[in-house]
C-alpha cells in the first residue's frame, strides 16, 4: 500500500472509532412528555379552587340532570338504523 492510501485508511478508521462515542439519541429526550404535561395543565380550569369563593362555572343542576338523563336514555333505546343505500328499488328512480 502506498502512504497516502494507508493514511486515508487510518483516518477513516479513527473516524469510525470516534463515531462510536457520539450520542445516537436525538435531543427529543430532553422534552419527552412535555406535550402531555402541557395538555393536562391546559385542561385544568382553576388550579387553586380552595382559595376562591366563586361558584363553579358550568350548568345549573336541573339542566345537568336533564342532559345526563337524555344521555343514559340514548343507550336504553338507540335510534333505529336507517338504510340510506337503496339500490335497485323502483322508488329511487326518477319518473
Protein backbone atom coordinates (compact mmCIF):
# COMPACT_ATOMS: atom_id res chain seq x y z
CA UNK A 1 0.00 0.00 0.00
CA UNK A 2 1.14 3.48 -0.63
CA UNK A 3 1.48 6.04 2.13
CA UNK A 4 -1.46 8.27 1.05
CA UNK A 5 -3.92 5.35 0.91
CA UNK A 6 -2.78 3.97 4.26
CA UNK A 7 -3.13 7.46 5.75
CA UNK A 8 -6.66 7.71 4.34
CA UNK A 9 -7.46 4.26 5.72
CA UNK A 10 -6.08 5.25 9.13
CA UNK A 11 -8.15 8.47 9.15
CA UNK A 12 -11.27 6.52 8.17
CA UNK A 13 -10.65 4.00 10.96
CA UNK A 14 -10.18 6.77 13.53
CA UNK A 15 -13.37 8.40 12.27
CA UNK A 16 -15.29 5.15 12.72
CA UNK A 17 -13.94 4.66 16.23
CA UNK A 18 -14.81 8.21 17.25
CA UNK A 19 -18.30 7.94 15.75
CA UNK A 20 -18.96 5.16 18.26
CA UNK A 21 -18.61 7.75 21.03
CA UNK A 22 -21.25 10.02 19.54
CA UNK A 23 -24.71 10.03 21.06
CA UNK A 24 -27.28 8.27 18.91
CA UNK A 25 -30.20 9.68 20.87
CA UNK A 26 -31.52 12.96 19.49
CA UNK A 27 -32.37 15.95 21.64
CA UNK A 28 -36.01 14.83 21.85
CA UNK A 29 -35.41 13.06 25.15
CA UNK A 30 -34.94 16.34 26.99
CA UNK A 31 -38.51 17.36 26.09
CA UNK A 32 -40.09 13.90 26.40
CA UNK A 33 -43.61 14.17 27.87
CA UNK A 34 -43.74 17.95 27.57
CA UNK A 35 -46.82 17.87 25.32
CA UNK A 36 -48.71 15.65 27.75
CA UNK A 37 -47.88 17.90 30.70
CA UNK A 38 -48.90 20.99 28.73
CA UNK A 39 -52.23 19.47 27.66
CA UNK A 40 -53.00 18.32 31.19
CA UNK A 41 -52.34 21.83 32.54
CA UNK A 42 -54.49 23.36 29.78
CA UNK A 43 -57.45 21.22 30.86
CA UNK A 44 -57.40 22.50 34.44
CA UNK A 45 -59.82 25.41 34.66
CA UNK A 46 -58.94 26.56 38.14
CA UNK A 47 -55.78 25.08 39.70
CA UNK A 48 -56.49 26.60 43.12
CA UNK A 49 -60.24 26.17 43.78
CA UNK A 50 -59.78 26.11 47.55
CA UNK A 51 -58.76 29.76 47.62
CA UNK A 52 -61.69 31.02 45.50
CA UNK A 53 -65.22 31.55 46.75
CA UNK A 54 -66.67 31.84 43.25
CA UNK A 55 -69.27 29.38 42.07
CA UNK A 56 -68.21 26.67 39.69
CA UNK A 57 -68.70 27.52 36.03
CA UNK A 58 -71.00 25.23 34.08
CA UNK A 59 -74.60 24.08 34.05
CA UNK A 60 -77.20 24.52 36.73
CA UNK A 61 -78.33 21.34 38.48
CA UNK A 62 -81.64 20.87 36.64
CA UNK A 63 -80.07 21.26 33.17
CA UNK A 64 -77.18 18.94 34.03
CA UNK A 65 -79.57 16.28 35.39
CA UNK A 66 -81.72 16.51 32.26
CA UNK A 67 -78.68 16.18 29.97
CA UNK A 68 -77.41 13.18 31.91
CA UNK A 69 -80.82 11.50 31.76
CA UNK A 70 -81.05 12.01 27.97
CA UNK A 71 -77.55 10.56 27.63
CA UNK A 72 -78.46 7.46 29.65
CA UNK A 73 -81.73 7.00 27.76
CA UNK A 74 -79.91 7.07 24.43
CA UNK A 75 -78.29 3.74 25.35
CA UNK A 76 -81.51 2.11 26.51
CA UNK A 77 -83.33 2.69 23.24
CA UNK A 78 -80.90 3.63 20.49
CA UNK A 79 -82.38 5.27 17.40
CA UNK A 80 -83.33 2.90 14.57
CA UNK A 81 -80.77 2.26 11.85
CA UNK A 82 -81.68 3.94 8.58
CA UNK A 83 -80.53 2.27 5.37
CA UNK A 84 -79.53 5.08 3.05
CA UNK A 85 -78.39 2.88 0.15
CA UNK A 86 -81.44 1.92 -1.85
CA UNK A 87 -80.09 0.12 -4.91
CA UNK A 88 -82.42 -1.42 -7.45
CA UNK A 89 -85.61 -0.07 -5.93
CA UNK A 90 -88.27 1.48 -8.14
CA UNK A 91 -88.79 4.27 -5.60
CA UNK A 92 -85.27 5.57 -6.14
CA UNK A 93 -85.69 6.00 -9.92
CA UNK A 94 -86.89 9.29 -11.34
CA UNK A 95 -90.12 9.16 -13.48
